Amino acid sequence: MLPIIARYCDTAGQWQAWFDGNPCIAYNGESSMQAVHRVLEGHRTPSGALELRVDQDDGRAAVMKATWWPPDLLLCCEHCNGTGEYIGLMQRETCARCDGNGFVSA
């Protein structure tokens, strides 16, 4: 599946999101994730893995892994990298951030 691009538009005062390569069909939202959610619903995107590229103020983009499970958009947990486990020097335990699921709600 094509990555989804999210960018803040100063003129509109909102976030815009679209599938990479198709900026003509963009959806707006108060937050980047709201705009991404609207893109997915608007295109009736089937469930599956996604890549999100959220433009930052410094010109770079934050790249995130996500899963679209309508109506939920789940982001890969950054603390455990989606494994659901925290691995320390001497111990292994369930990731406290995602509670062992590997994903967090967007």
PDB file of N, CA and C in Angstrom:
ATOM      1  N   MET A   1       0.846  -1.176   0.000  1.00  0.00           N
ATOM      2  CA  MET A   1       0.000   0.000   0.000  1.00  0.00           C
ATOM      3  C   MET A   1       0.895   1.244   0.000  1.00  0.00           C
ATOM      4  N   LEU A   2       0.443   2.284  -0.664  1.00  0.00           N
ATOM      5  CA  LEU A   2       1.184   3.536  -0.709  1.00  0.00           C
ATOM      6  C   LEU A   2       1.247   4.195   0.662  1.00  0.00           C
ATOM      7  N   PRO A   3       2.348   4.859   0.973  1.00  0.00           N
ATOM      8  CA  PRO A   3       2.428   5.610   2.242  1.00  0.00           C
ATOM      9  C   PRO A   3       1.417   6.756   2.246  1.00  0.00           C
ATOM     10  N   ILE A   4       1.039   7.162   3.441  1.00  0.00           N
ATOM     11  CA  ILE A   4       0.162   8.328   3.605  1.00  0.00           C
ATOM     12  C   ILE A   4       1.021   9.480   4.099  1.00  0.00           C
ATOM     13  N   ILE A   5       0.877  10.629   3.457  1.00  0.00           N
ATOM     14  CA  ILE A   5       1.620  11.832   3.806  1.00  0.00           C
ATOM     15  C   ILE A   5       0.696  12.741   4.616  1.00  0.00           C
ATOM     16  N   ALA A   6       1.190  13.287   5.716  1.00  0.00           N
ATOM     17  CA  ALA A   6       0.430  14.252   6.525  1.00  0.00           C
ATOM     18  C   ALA A   6       1.291  15.504   6.676  1.00  0.00           C
ATOM     19  N   ARG A   7       0.689  16.655   6.431  1.00  0.00           N
ATOM     20  CA  ARG A   7       1.424  17.921   6.481  1.00  0.00           C
ATOM     21  C   ARG A   7       0.496  19.010   7.026  1.00  0.00           C
ATOM     22  N   TYR A   8       1.065  19.891   7.846  1.00  0.00           N
ATOM     23  CA  TYR A   8       0.283  21.006   8.377  1.00  0.00           C
ATOM     24  C   TYR A   8       0.231  22.118   7.337  1.00  0.00           C
ATOM     25  N   CYS A   9      -0.952  22.649   7.094  1.00  0.00           N
ATOM     26  CA  CYS A   9      -1.155  23.738   6.136  1.00  0.00           C
ATOM     27  C   CYS A   9      -1.429  25.023   6.916  1.00  0.00           C
ATOM     28  N   ASP A  10      -0.462  25.955   6.890  1.00  0.00           N
ATOM     29  CA  ASP A  10      -0.617  27.219   7.604  1.00  0.00           C
ATOM     30  C   ASP A  10      -1.806  28.025   7.098  1.00  0.00           C
ATOM     31  N   THR A  11      -2.010  28.022   5.780  1.00  0.00           N
ATOM     32  CA  THR A  11      -3.093  28.791   5.185  1.00  0.00           C
ATOM     33  C   THR A  11      -4.456  28.338   5.698  1.00  0.00           C
ATOM     34  N   ALA A  12      -4.660  27.036   5.739  1.00  0.00           N
ATOM     35  CA  ALA A  12      -5.942  26.485   6.199  1.00  0.00           C
ATOM     36  C   ALA A  12      -6.010  26.377   7.714  1.00  0.00           C
ATOM     37  N   GLY A  13      -4.843  26.342   8.378  1.00  0.00           N
ATOM     38  CA  GLY A  13      -4.822  26.170   9.828  1.00  0.00           C
ATOM     39  C   GLY A  13      -5.216  24.773  10.254  1.00  0.00           C
ATOM     40  N   GLN A  14      -5.010  23.796   9.365  1.00  0.00           N
ATOM     41  CA  GLN A  14      -5.362  22.409   9.642  1.00  0.00           C
ATOM     42  C   GLN A  14      -4.311  21.482   9.063  1.00  0.00           C
ATOM     43  N   TRP A  15      -4.373  20.229   9.486  1.00  0.00           N
ATOM     44  CA  TRP A  15      -3.527  19.188   8.907  1.00  0.00           C
ATOM     45  C   TRP A  15      -4.193  18.665   7.650  1.00  0.00           C
ATOM     46  N   GLN A  16      -3.396  18.283   6.676  1.00  0.00           N
ATOM     47  CA  GLN A  16      -3.891  17.656   5.459  1.00  0.00           C
ATOM     48  C   GLN A  16      -3.176  16.325   5.292  1.00  0.00           C
ATOM     49  N   ALA A  17      -3.880  15.332   4.768  1.00  0.00           N
ATOM     50  CA  ALA A  17      -3.294  14.009   4.550  1.00  0.00           C
ATOM     51  C   ALA A  17      -3.789  13.463   3.219  1.00  0.00           C
ATOM     52  N   TRP A  18      -2.898  12.689   2.553  1.00  0.00           N
ATOM     53  CA  TRP A  18      -3.222  12.086   1.269  1.00  0.00           C
ATOM     54  C   TRP A  18      -2.310  10.895   1.035  1.00  0.00           C
ATOM     55  N   PHE A  19      -2.723  10.032   0.095  1.00  0.00           N
ATOM     56  CA  PHE A  19      -1.862   8.933  -0.304  1.00  0.00           C
ATOM     57  C   PHE A  19      -0.724   9.482  -1.141  1.00  0.00           C
ATOM     58  N   ASP A  20       0.481   8.987  -0.921  1.00  0.00           N
ATOM     59  CA  ASP A  20       1.657   9.440  -1.651  1.00  0.00           C
ATOM     60  C   ASP A  20       1.407   9.335  -3.155  1.00  0.00           C
ATOM     61  N   GLY A  21       1.733  10.383  -3.872  1.00  0.00           N
ATOM     62  CA  GLY A  21       1.536  10.409  -5.312  1.00  0.00           C
ATOM     63  C   GLY A  21       0.191  10.949  -5.738  1.00  0.00           C
ATOM     64  N   ASN A  22      -0.691  11.255  -4.788  1.00  0.00           N
ATOM     65  CA  ASN A  22      -2.023  11.759  -5.125  1.00  0.00           C
ATOM     66  C   ASN A  22      -2.422  12.918  -4.206  1.00  0.00           C
ATOM     67  N   PRO A  23      -1.667  14.039  -4.209  1.00  0.00           N
ATOM     68  CA  PRO A  23      -1.987  15.147  -3.307  1.00  0.00           C
ATOM     69  C   PRO A  23      -3.243  15.923  -3.692  1.00  0.00           C
ATOM     70  N   CYS A  24      -3.804  15.619  -4.858  1.00  0.00           N
ATOM     71  CA  CYS A  24      -5.025  16.323  -5.283  1.00  0.00           C
ATOM     72  C   CYS A  24      -6.238  15.926  -4.451  1.00  0.00           C
ATOM     73  N   ILE A  25      -6.199  14.727  -3.867  1.00  0.00           N
ATOM     74  CA  ILE A  25      -7.307  14.261  -3.037  1.00  0.00           C
ATOM     75  C   ILE A  25      -6.807  14.203  -1.598  1.00  0.00           C
ATOM     76  N   ALA A  26      -6.884  15.340  -0.925  1.00  0.00           N
ATOM     77  CA  ALA A  26      -6.410  15.448   0.458  1.00  0.00           C
ATOM     78  C   ALA A  26      -7.596  15.619   1.392  1.00  0.00           C
ATOM     79  N   TYR A  27      -7.442  15.140   2.602  1.00  0.00           N
ATOM     80  CA  TYR A  27      -8.458  15.278   3.638  1.00  0.00           C
ATOM     81  C   TYR A  27      -7.873  16.113   4.770  1.00  0.00           C
ATOM     82  N   ASN A  28      -8.704  16.941   5.395  1.00  0.00           N
ATOM     83  CA  ASN A  28      -8.264  17.835   6.467  1.00  0.00           C
ATOM     84  C   ASN A  28      -8.677  17.299   7.824  1.00  0.00           C
ATOM     85  N   GLY A  29      -7.968  17.797   8.857  1.00  0.00           N
ATOM     86  CA  GLY A  29      -8.313  17.448  10.224  1.00  0.00           C
ATOM     87  C   GLY A  29      -7.635  18.383  11.206  1.00  0.00           C
ATOM     88  N   GLU A  30      -8.129  18.406  12.427  1.00  0.00           N
ATOM     89  CA  GLU A  30      -7.548  19.237  13.482  1.00  0.00           C
ATOM     90  C   GLU A  30      -6.183  18.713  13.917  1.00  0.00           C
ATOM     91  N   SER A  31      -5.956  17.403  13.749  1.00  0.00           N
ATOM     92  CA  SER A  31      -4.675  16.790  14.084  1.00  0.00           C
ATOM     93  C   SER A  31      -4.220  15.952  12.886  1.00  0.00           C
ATOM     94  N   SER A  32      -2.956  15.581  12.890  1.00  0.00           N
ATOM     95  CA  SER A  32      -2.441  14.762  11.793  1.00  0.00           C
ATOM     96  C   SER A  32      -3.164  13.414  11.734  1.00  0.00           C
ATOM     97  N   MET A  33      -3.409  12.815  12.888  1.00  0.00           N
ATOM     98  CA  MET A  33      -4.055  11.505  12.908  1.00  0.00           C
ATOM     99  C   MET A  33      -5.521  11.578  12.499  1.00  0.00           C
ATOM    100  N   GLN A  34      -6.175  12.683  12.802  1.00  0.00           N
ATOM    101  CA  GLN A  34      -7.561  12.849  12.362  1.00  0.00           C
ATOM    102  C   GLN A  34      -7.613  12.942  10.836  1.00  0.00           C
ATOM    103  N   ALA A  35      -6.673  13.665  10.237  1.00  0.00           N
ATOM    104  CA  ALA A  35      -6.619  13.769   8.781  1.00  0.00           C
ATOM    105  C   ALA A  35      -6.322  12.413   8.150  1.00  0.00           C
ATOM    106  N   VAL A  36      -5.383  11.660   8.730  1.00  0.00           N
ATOM    107  CA  VAL A  36      -5.052  10.321   8.227  1.00  0.00           C
ATOM    108  C   VAL A  36      -6.267   9.404   8.327  1.00  0.00           C
ATOM    109  N   HIS A  37      -6.959   9.462   9.436  1.00  0.00           N
ATOM    110  CA  HIS A  37      -8.159   8.638   9.643  1.00  0.00           C
ATOM    111  C   HIS A  37      -9.198   8.947   8.563  1.00  0.00           C
ATOM    112  N   ARG A  38      -9.371  10.222   8.236  1.00  0.00           N
ATOM    113  CA  ARG A  38     -10.343  10.615   7.210  1.00  0.00           C
ATOM    114  C   ARG A  38      -9.942  10.126   5.822  1.00  0.00           C
ATOM    115  N   VAL A  39      -8.639  10.121   5.528  1.00  0.00           N
ATOM    116  CA  VAL A  39      -8.170   9.572   4.250  1.00  0.00           C
ATOM    117  C   VAL A  39      -8.546   8.100   4.147  1.00  0.00           C
ATOM    118  N   LEU A  40      -8.276   7.357   5.194  1.00  0.00           N
ATOM    119  CA  LEU A  40      -8.550   5.923   5.191  1.00  0.00           C
ATOM    120  C   LEU A  40     -10.040   5.634   5.041  1.00  0.00           C
ATOM    121  N   GLU A  41     -10.860   6.375   5.759  1.00  0.00           N
ATOM    122  CA  GLU A  41     -12.307   6.191   5.648  1.00  0.00           C
ATOM    123  C   GLU A  41     -12.827   6.661   4.293  1.00  0.00           C
ATOM    124  N   GLY A  42     -12.309   7.802   3.818  1.00  0.00           N
ATOM    125  CA  GLY A  42     -12.764   8.362   2.550  1.00  0.00           C
ATOM    126  C   GLY A  42     -12.474   7.477   1.352  1.00  0.00           C
ATOM    127  N   HIS A  43     -11.378   6.753   1.403  1.00  0.00           N
ATOM    128  CA  HIS A  43     -11.011   5.847   0.311  1.00  0.00           C
ATOM    129  C   HIS A  43     -11.498   4.426   0.555  1.00  0.00           C
ATOM    130  N   ARG A  44     -12.200   4.230   1.668  1.00  0.00           N
ATOM    131  CA  ARG A  44     -12.685   2.891   2.053  1.00  0.00           C
ATOM    132  C   ARG A  44     -11.542   1.877   1.998  1.00  0.00           C
ATOM    133  N   THR A  45     -10.444   2.261   2.625  1.00  0.00           N
ATOM    134  CA  THR A  45      -9.234   1.446   2.631  1.00  0.00           C
ATOM    135  C   THR A  45      -9.462   0.162   3.426  1.00  0.00           C
ATOM    136  N   PRO A  46      -9.095  -0.986   2.857  1.00  0.00           N
ATOM    137  CA  PRO A  46      -9.240  -2.239   3.602  1.00  0.00           C
ATOM    138  C   PRO A  46      -8.217  -2.330   4.745  1.00  0.00           C
ATOM    139  N   SER A  47      -8.474  -3.199   5.684  1.00  0.00           N
ATOM    140  CA  SER A  47      -7.567  -3.413   6.818  1.00  0.00           C
ATOM    141  C   SER A  47      -6.182  -3.801   6.324  1.00  0.00           C
ATOM    142  N   GLY A  48      -5.174  -3.360   7.089  1.00  0.00           N
ATOM    143  CA  GLY A  48      -3.819  -3.755   6.744  1.00  0.00           C
ATOM    144  C   GLY A  48      -2.774  -2.827   7.322  1.00  0.00           C
ATOM    145  N   ALA A  49      -1.511  -3.166   7.040  1.00  0.00           N
ATOM    146  CA  ALA A  49      -0.374  -2.372   7.519  1.00  0.00           C
ATOM    147  C   ALA A  49      -0.214  -1.115   6.674  1.00  0.00           C
ATOM    148  N   LEU A  50       0.238  -0.039   7.321  1.00  0.00           N
ATOM    149  CA  LEU A  50       0.424   1.254   6.662  1.00  0.00           C
ATOM    150  C   LEU A  50       1.759   1.852   7.039  1.00  0.00           C
ATOM    151  N   GLU A  51       2.194   2.788   6.217  1.00  0.00           N
ATOM    152  CA  GLU A  51       3.333   3.630   6.565  1.00  0.00           C
ATOM    153  C   GLU A  51       2.848   5.064   6.541  1.00  0.00           C
ATOM    154  N   LEU A  52       3.084   5.784   7.622  1.00  0.00           N
ATOM    155  CA  LEU A  52       2.686   7.188   7.722  1.00  0.00           C
ATOM    156  C   LEU A  52       3.933   8.053   7.706  1.00  0.00           C
ATOM    157  N   ARG A  53       3.910   9.113   6.914  1.00  0.00           N
ATOM    158  CA  ARG A  53       5.006  10.086   6.877  1.00  0.00           C
ATOM    159  C   ARG A  53       4.438  11.438   7.282  1.00  0.00           C
ATOM    160  N   VAL A  54       4.779  11.853   8.492  1.00  0.00           N
ATOM    161  CA  VAL A  54       4.260  13.105   9.041  1.00  0.00           C
ATOM    162  C   VAL A  54       5.348  14.166   8.943  1.00  0.00           C
ATOM    163  N   ASP A  55       5.103  15.206   8.138  1.00  0.00           N
ATOM    164  CA  ASP A  55       6.092  16.264   7.944  1.00  0.00           C
ATOM    165  C   ASP A  55       6.294  17.053   9.227  1.00  0.00           C
ATOM    166  N   GLN A  56       7.559  17.356   9.526  1.00  0.00           N
ATOM    167  CA  GLN A  56       7.938  18.107  10.713  1.00  0.00           C
ATOM    168  C   GLN A  56       8.288  19.545  10.311  1.00  0.00           C
ATOM    169  N   ASP A  57       8.397  20.421  11.292  1.00  0.00           N
ATOM    170  CA  ASP A  57       8.734  21.823  11.037  1.00  0.00           C
ATOM    171  C   ASP A  57      10.127  22.000  10.441  1.00  0.00           C
ATOM    172  N   ASP A  58      11.037  21.082  10.730  1.00  0.00           N
ATOM    173  CA  ASP A  58      12.416  21.218  10.255  1.00  0.00           C
ATOM    174  C   ASP A  58      12.627  20.670   8.847  1.00  0.00           C
ATOM    175  N   GLY A  59      11.566  20.300   8.158  1.00  0.00           N
ATOM    176  CA  GLY A  59      11.668  19.812   6.789  1.00  0.00           C
ATOM    177  C   GLY A  59      11.815  18.307   6.663  1.00  0.00           C
ATOM    178  N   ARG A  60      12.023  17.613   7.778  1.00  0.00           N
ATOM    179  CA  ARG A  60      12.116  16.155   7.753  1.00  0.00           C
ATOM    180  C   ARG A  60      10.732  15.555   7.994  1.00  0.00           C
ATOM    181  N   ALA A  61      10.631  14.255   7.790  1.00  0.00           N
ATOM    182  CA  ALA A  61       9.360  13.565   8.033  1.00  0.00           C
ATOM    183  C   ALA A  61       9.571  12.445   9.042  1.00  0.00           C
ATOM    184  N   ALA A  62       8.649  12.345   9.989  1.00  0.00           N
ATOM    185  CA  ALA A  62       8.640  11.227  10.932  1.00  0.00           C
ATOM    186  C   ALA A  62       7.926  10.068  10.234  1.00  0.00           C
ATOM    187  N   VAL A  63       8.588   8.938  10.139  1.00  0.00           N
ATOM    188  CA  VAL A  63       8.003   7.764   9.492  1.00  0.00           C
ATOM    189  C   VAL A  63       7.542   6.799  10.582  1.00  0.00           C
ATOM    190  N   MET A  64       6.271   6.416  10.505  1.00  0.00           N
ATOM    191  CA  MET A  64       5.690   5.537  11.512  1.00  0.00           C
ATOM    192  C   MET A  64       5.006   4.347  10.849  1.00  0.00           C
ATOM    193  N   LYS A  65       5.069   3.220  11.515  1.00  0.00           N
ATOM    194  CA  LYS A  65       4.326   2.038  11.088  1.00  0.00           C
ATOM    195  C   LYS A  65       2.984   2.061  11.800  1.00  0.00           C
ATOM    196  N   ALA A  66       1.952   1.669  11.079  1.00  0.00           N
ATOM    197  CA  ALA A  66       0.613   1.653  11.665  1.00  0.00           C
ATOM    198  C   ALA A  66      -0.185   0.493  11.081  1.00  0.00           C
ATOM    199  N   THR A  67      -1.280   0.193  11.735  1.00  0.00           N
ATOM    200  CA  THR A  67      -2.224  -0.804  11.242  1.00  0.00           C
ATOM    201  C   THR A  67      -3.610  -0.181  11.214  1.00  0.00           C
ATOM    202  N   TRP A  68      -4.273  -0.295  10.096  1.00  0.00           N
ATOM    203  CA  TRP A  68      -5.648   0.186   9.942  1.00  0.00           C
ATOM    204  C   TRP A  68      -6.564  -1.001  10.141  1.00  0.00           C
ATOM    205  N   TRP A  69      -7.350  -0.916  11.198  1.00  0.00           N
ATOM    206  CA  TRP A  69      -8.331  -1.945  11.525  1.00  0.00           C
ATOM    207  C   TRP A  69      -9.637  -1.208  11.750  1.00  0.00           C
ATOM    208  N   PRO A  70     -10.380  -0.912  10.651  1.00  0.00           N
ATOM    209  CA  PRO A  70     -11.540  -0.019  10.752  1.00  0.00           C
ATOM    210  C   PRO A  70     -12.446  -0.359  11.916  1.00  0.00           C
ATOM    211  N   PRO A  71     -12.821   0.618  12.695  1.00  0.00           N
ATOM    212  CA  PRO A  71     -12.551   2.054  12.550  1.00  0.00           C
ATOM    213  C   PRO A  71     -11.304   2.516  13.314  1.00  0.00           C
ATOM    214  N   ASP A  72     -10.423   1.612  13.730  1.00  0.00           N
ATOM    215  CA  ASP A  72      -9.283   1.986  14.560  1.00  0.00           C
ATOM    216  C   ASP A  72      -8.000   2.117  13.745  1.00  0.00           C
ATOM    217  N   LEU A  73      -7.232   3.137  14.076  1.00  0.00           N
ATOM    218  CA  LEU A  73      -5.902   3.332  13.523  1.00  0.00           C
ATOM    219  C   LEU A  73      -4.928   3.104  14.670  1.00  0.00           C
ATOM    220  N   LEU A  74      -4.097   2.081  14.551  1.00  0.00           N
ATOM    221  CA  LEU A  74      -3.173   1.697  15.610  1.00  0.00           C
ATOM    222  C   LEU A  74      -1.741   1.957  15.170  1.00  0.00           C
ATOM    223  N   LEU A  75      -0.976   2.661  16.021  1.00  0.00           N
ATOM    224  CA  LEU A  75       0.426   2.947  15.732  1.00  0.00           C
ATOM    225  C   LEU A  75       1.313   1.907  16.395  1.00  0.00           C
ATOM    226  N   CYS A  76       2.372   1.537  15.725  1.00  0.00           N
ATOM    227  CA  CYS A  76       3.348   0.610  16.289  1.00  0.00           C
ATOM    228  C   CYS A  76       3.982   1.274  17.512  1.00  0.00           C
ATOM    229  N   CYS A  77       4.050   0.573  18.625  1.00  0.00           N
ATOM    230  CA  CYS A  77       4.599   1.115  19.867  1.00  0.00           C
ATOM    231  C   CYS A  77       6.086   1.432  19.684  1.00  0.00           C
ATOM    232  N   GLU A  78       6.463   2.669  19.962  1.00  0.00           N
ATOM    233  CA  GLU A  78       7.850   3.101  19.805  1.00  0.00           C
ATOM    234  C   GLU A  78       8.753   2.573  20.919  1.00  0.00           C
ATOM    235  N   HIS A  79       8.180   2.232  22.064  1.00  0.00           N
ATOM    236  CA  HIS A  79       8.979   1.762  23.198  1.00  0.00           C
ATOM    237  C   HIS A  79       9.500   0.349  22.991  1.00  0.00           C
ATOM    238  N   CYS A  80       8.683  -0.511  22.378  1.00  0.00           N
ATOM    239  CA  CYS A  80       9.093  -1.905  22.189  1.00  0.00           C
ATOM    240  C   CYS A  80       9.234  -2.279  20.708  1.00  0.00           C
ATOM    241  N   ASN A  81       9.024  -1.302  19.827  1.00  0.00           N
ATOM    242  CA  ASN A  81       9.102  -1.517  18.382  1.00  0.00           C
ATOM    243  C   ASN A  81       8.125  -2.597  17.914  1.00  0.00           C
ATOM    244  N   GLY A  82       6.972  -2.650  18.565  1.00  0.00           N
ATOM    245  CA  GLY A  82       5.919  -3.569  18.171  1.00  0.00           C
ATOM    246  C   GLY A  82       6.046  -4.990  18.691  1.00  0.00           C
ATOM    247  N   THR A  83       7.042  -5.273  19.527  1.00  0.00           N
ATOM    248  CA  THR A  83       7.216  -6.635  20.039  1.00  0.00           C
ATOM    249  C   THR A  83       6.324  -6.937  21.236  1.00  0.00           C
ATOM    250  N   GLY A  84       5.931  -5.886  21.969  1.00  0.00           N
ATOM    251  CA  GLY A  84       5.119  -6.079  23.166  1.00  0.00           C
ATOM    252  C   GLY A  84       5.927  -6.388  24.404  1.00  0.00           C
ATOM    253  N   GLU A  85       7.268  -6.427  24.257  1.00  0.00           N
ATOM    254  CA  GLU A  85       8.132  -6.749  25.389  1.00  0.00           C
ATOM    255  C   GLU A  85       9.224  -5.703  25.570  1.00  0.00           C
ATOM    256  N   TYR A  86       9.538  -5.462  26.824  1.00  0.00           N
ATOM    257  CA  TYR A  86      10.695  -4.637  27.171  1.00  0.00           C
ATOM    258  C   TYR A  86      11.806  -5.591  27.549  1.00  0.00           C
ATOM    259  N   ILE A  87      12.956  -5.447  26.907  1.00  0.00           N
ATOM    260  CA  ILE A  87      14.089  -6.319  27.208  1.00  0.00           C
ATOM    261  C   ILE A  87      15.197  -5.463  27.794  1.00  0.00           C
ATOM    262  N   GLY A  88      15.475  -5.668  29.073  1.00  0.00           N
ATOM    263  CA  GLY A  88      16.518  -4.937  29.771  1.00  0.00           C
ATOM    264  C   GLY A  88      17.797  -5.763  29.839  1.00  0.00           C
ATOM    265  N   LEU A  89      18.749  -5.279  30.609  1.00  0.00           N
ATOM    266  CA  LEU A  89      20.012  -6.001  30.746  1.00  0.00           C
ATOM    267  C   LEU A  89      19.840  -7.331  31.463  1.00  0.00           C
ATOM    268  N   MET A  90      18.989  -7.351  32.476  1.00  0.00           N
ATOM    269  CA  MET A  90      18.847  -8.559  33.292  1.00  0.00           C
ATOM    270  C   MET A  90      17.428  -9.136  33.294  1.00  0.00           C
ATOM    271  N   GLN A  91      16.504  -8.472  32.611  1.00  0.00           N
ATOM    272  CA  GLN A  91      15.128  -8.948  32.689  1.00  0.00           C
ATOM    273  C   GLN A  91      14.373  -8.699  31.391  1.00  0.00           C
ATOM    274  N   ARG A  92      13.306  -9.415  31.264  1.00  0.00           N
ATOM    275  CA  ARG A  92      12.382  -9.268  30.137  1.00  0.00           C
ATOM    276  C   ARG A  92      10.989  -9.164  30.734  1.00  0.00           C
ATOM    277  N   GLU A  93      10.231  -8.135  30.305  1.00  0.00           N
ATOM    278  CA  GLU A  93       8.884  -7.942  30.847  1.00  0.00           C
ATOM    279  C   GLU A  93       7.962  -7.358  29.798  1.00  0.00           C
ATOM    280  N   THR A  94       6.686  -7.346  30.093  1.00  0.00           N
ATOM    281  CA  THR A  94       5.691  -6.782  29.200  1.00  0.00           C
ATOM    282  C   THR A  94       5.905  -5.279  29.085  1.00  0.00           C
ATOM    283  N   CYS A  95       5.810  -4.755  27.862  1.00  0.00           N
ATOM    284  CA  CYS A  95       5.977  -3.316  27.630  1.00  0.00           C
ATOM    285  C   CYS A  95       4.870  -2.559  28.350  1.00  0.00           C
ATOM    286  N   ALA A  96       5.261  -1.597  29.179  1.00  0.00           N
ATOM    287  CA  ALA A  96       4.290  -0.823  29.959  1.00  0.00           C
ATOM    288  C   ALA A  96       3.520   0.164  29.087  1.00  0.00           C
ATOM    289  N   ARG A  97       4.111   0.624  28.001  1.00  0.00           N
ATOM    290  CA  ARG A  97       3.467   1.631  27.137  1.00  0.00           C
ATOM    291  C   ARG A  97       2.269   1.047  26.397  1.00  0.00           C
ATOM    292  N   CYS A  98       2.459  -0.139  25.800  1.00  0.00           N
ATOM    293  CA  CYS A  98       1.394  -0.731  24.988  1.00  0.00           C
ATOM    294  C   CYS A  98       0.696  -1.898  25.692  1.00  0.00           C
ATOM    295  N   ASP A  99       1.119  -2.208  26.902  1.00  0.00           N
ATOM    296  CA  ASP A  99       0.555  -3.307  27.696  1.00  0.00           C
ATOM    297  C   ASP A  99       0.709  -4.652  26.985  1.00  0.00           C
ATOM    298  N   GLY A 100       1.800  -4.787  26.229  1.00  0.00           N
ATOM    299  CA  GLY A 100       2.088  -6.051  25.564  1.00  0.00           C
ATOM    300  C   GLY A 100       1.433  -6.254  24.221  1.00  0.00           C
ATOM    301  N   ASN A 101       0.653  -5.265  23.737  1.00  0.00           N
ATOM    302  CA  ASN A 101      -0.042  -5.412  22.459  1.00  0.00           C
ATOM    303  C   ASN A 101       0.830  -5.110  21.246  1.00  0.00           C
ATOM    304  N   GLY A 102       1.866  -4.291  21.426  1.00  0.00           N
ATOM    305  CA  GLY A 102       2.711  -3.888  20.315  1.00  0.00           C
ATOM    306  C   GLY A 102       2.186  -2.685  19.560  1.00  0.00           C
ATOM    307  N   PHE A 103       0.947  -2.270  19.852  1.00  0.00           N
ATOM    308  CA  PHE A 103       0.339  -1.119  19.190  1.00  0.00           C
ATOM    309  C   PHE A 103      -0.322  -0.203  20.216  1.00  0.00           C
ATOM    310  N   VAL A 104      -0.403   1.071  19.874  1.00  0.00           N
ATOM    311  CA  VAL A 104      -1.117   2.058  20.686  1.00  0.00           C
ATOM    312  C   VAL A 104      -2.119   2.772  19.790  1.00  0.00           C
ATOM    313  N   SER A 105      -3.206   3.239  20.351  1.00  0.00           N
ATOM    314  CA  SER A 105      -4.219   3.950  19.571  1.00  0.00           C
ATOM    315  C   SER A 105      -3.685   5.300  19.123  1.00  0.00           C
ATOM    316  N   ALA A 106      -4.071   5.676  17.926  1.00  0.00           N
ATOM    317  CA  ALA A 106      -3.637   6.965  17.369  1.00  0.00           C
ATOM    318  C   ALA A 106      -4.527   8.083  17.841  1.00  0.00           C
TER     319      ALA A 106
END
